[in-house]
Amino acid sequence: MDRDQIVNQLKATKMDDLLELVEDAESGYLEELELVPSIGLCYDQELNNALIQLLIDNGVTIIEVKDEE
């Protein structure tokens, strides 16, 4: 899934917060993101993986934190 496909899917499903993450990453405002791997960023696993990879490709450091129940 390329950048345009990711952005279009985020727009189509009204995931504005995730779209903002992409925009912030591309503009250099987002340097790192804490993420619970078992939760991810969204329910769609393919979109989640593609989105995380897009953020990494834009220089965002993903910091994995443990899920504390």
C-alpha atoms as a PDB file:
ATOM      1  CA  MET A   1       0.000   0.000   0.000  1.00  0.00           C
ATOM      2  CA  ASP A   2       1.544   3.306  -1.051  1.00  0.00           C
ATOM      3  CA  ARG A   3       1.163   6.733   0.554  1.00  0.00           C
ATOM      4  CA  ASP A   4      -1.753   7.828  -1.629  1.00  0.00           C
ATOM      5  CA  GLN A   5      -3.676   4.614  -0.941  1.00  0.00           C
ATOM      6  CA  ILE A   6      -3.129   5.038   2.795  1.00  0.00           C
ATOM      7  CA  VAL A   7      -4.245   8.683   2.753  1.00  0.00           C
ATOM      8  CA  ASN A   8      -7.288   7.902   0.603  1.00  0.00           C
ATOM      9  CA  GLN A   9      -8.347   5.088   2.926  1.00  0.00           C
ATOM     10  CA  LEU A  10      -7.895   7.320   5.983  1.00  0.00           C
ATOM     11  CA  LYS A  11     -10.015  10.026   4.332  1.00  0.00           C
ATOM     12  CA  ALA A  12     -12.692   7.544   3.239  1.00  0.00           C
ATOM     13  CA  THR A  13     -13.047   6.170   6.757  1.00  0.00           C
ATOM     14  CA  LYS A  14     -12.814   9.623   8.348  1.00  0.00           C
ATOM     15  CA  MET A  15      -9.731   8.756  10.414  1.00  0.00           C
ATOM     16  CA  ASP A  16      -8.770  12.406  10.700  1.00  0.00           C
ATOM     17  CA  ASP A  17      -6.441  11.920  13.683  1.00  0.00           C
ATOM     18  CA  LEU A  18      -4.392   9.341  11.793  1.00  0.00           C
ATOM     19  CA  LEU A  19      -4.349  11.547   8.709  1.00  0.00           C
ATOM     20  CA  GLU A  20      -2.979  14.330  10.877  1.00  0.00           C
ATOM     21  CA  LEU A  21      -0.202  11.980  12.069  1.00  0.00           C
ATOM     22  CA  VAL A  22       0.817  11.393   8.448  1.00  0.00           C
ATOM     23  CA  GLU A  23       0.801  15.121   7.711  1.00  0.00           C
ATOM     24  CA  ASP A  24       2.823  15.877  10.850  1.00  0.00           C
ATOM     25  CA  ALA A  25       5.347  13.157   9.968  1.00  0.00           C
ATOM     26  CA  GLU A  26       5.741  14.459   6.424  1.00  0.00           C
ATOM     27  CA  SER A  27       6.258  18.023   7.621  1.00  0.00           C
ATOM     28  CA  GLY A  28       8.792  16.983  10.269  1.00  0.00           C
ATOM     29  CA  TYR A  29       6.653  17.879  13.281  1.00  0.00           C
ATOM     30  CA  LEU A  30       6.290  14.279  14.451  1.00  0.00           C
ATOM     31  CA  GLU A  31       9.600  12.772  15.523  1.00  0.00           C
ATOM     32  CA  GLU A  32       8.483   9.877  17.698  1.00  0.00           C
ATOM     33  CA  LEU A  33       5.320   8.011  18.529  1.00  0.00           C
ATOM     34  CA  GLU A  34       4.608   5.753  21.484  1.00  0.00           C
ATOM     35  CA  LEU A  35       2.624   2.723  20.403  1.00  0.00           C
ATOM     36  CA  VAL A  36       1.228  -0.348  22.137  1.00  0.00           C
ATOM     37  CA  PRO A  37       1.897  -3.063  19.513  1.00  0.00           C
ATOM     38  CA  SER A  38      -1.075  -5.197  20.565  1.00  0.00           C
ATOM     39  CA  ILE A  39      -3.406  -2.226  19.984  1.00  0.00           C
ATOM     40  CA  GLY A  40      -1.806  -0.491  16.996  1.00  0.00           C
ATOM     41  CA  LEU A  41      -3.223   2.625  15.379  1.00  0.00           C
ATOM     42  CA  CYS A  42      -6.381   1.207  13.784  1.00  0.00           C
ATOM     43  CA  TYR A  43      -8.404  -2.022  13.540  1.00  0.00           C
ATOM     44  CA  ASP A  44      -7.516  -2.788   9.922  1.00  0.00           C
ATOM     45  CA  GLN A  45      -4.260  -4.738  10.258  1.00  0.00           C
ATOM     46  CA  GLU A  46      -3.098  -4.092   6.685  1.00  0.00           C
ATOM     47  CA  LEU A  47      -3.746  -0.358   7.012  1.00  0.00           C
ATOM     48  CA  ASN A  48      -2.151  -0.340  10.469  1.00  0.00           C
ATOM     49  CA  ASN A  49       1.064  -1.947   9.196  1.00  0.00           C
ATOM     50  CA  ALA A  50       1.207   0.303   6.135  1.00  0.00           C
ATOM     51  CA  LEU A  51       0.593   3.402   8.246  1.00  0.00           C
ATOM     52  CA  ILE A  52       3.327   2.503  10.726  1.00  0.00           C
ATOM     53  CA  GLN A  53       5.750   1.851   7.850  1.00  0.00           C
ATOM     54  CA  LEU A  54       4.832   5.182   6.246  1.00  0.00           C
ATOM     55  CA  LEU A  55       5.549   6.979   9.525  1.00  0.00           C
ATOM     56  CA  ILE A  56       8.903   5.187   9.852  1.00  0.00           C
ATOM     57  CA  ASP A  57       9.747   6.057   6.233  1.00  0.00           C
ATOM     58  CA  ASN A  58       9.132   9.708   7.132  1.00  0.00           C
ATOM     59  CA  GLY A  59      11.625   9.571   9.996  1.00  0.00           C
ATOM     60  CA  VAL A  60       9.285   8.862  12.902  1.00  0.00           C
ATOM     61  CA  THR A  61      10.754   6.699  15.652  1.00  0.00           C
ATOM     62  CA  ILE A  62       8.206   4.186  16.926  1.00  0.00           C
ATOM     63  CA  ILE A  63       8.572   3.539  20.656  1.00  0.00           C
ATOM     64  CA  GLU A  64       6.850   0.338  21.659  1.00  0.00           C
ATOM     65  CA  VAL A  65       5.316   0.451  25.122  1.00  0.00           C
ATOM     66  CA  LYS A  66       3.887  -2.462  27.045  1.00  0.00           C
ATOM     67  CA  ASP A  67       0.166  -2.944  27.371  1.00  0.00           C
ATOM     68  CA  GLU A  68      -0.534  -2.481  31.080  1.00  0.00           C
ATOM     69  CA  GLU A  69      -3.837  -4.058  31.970  1.00  0.00           C
END
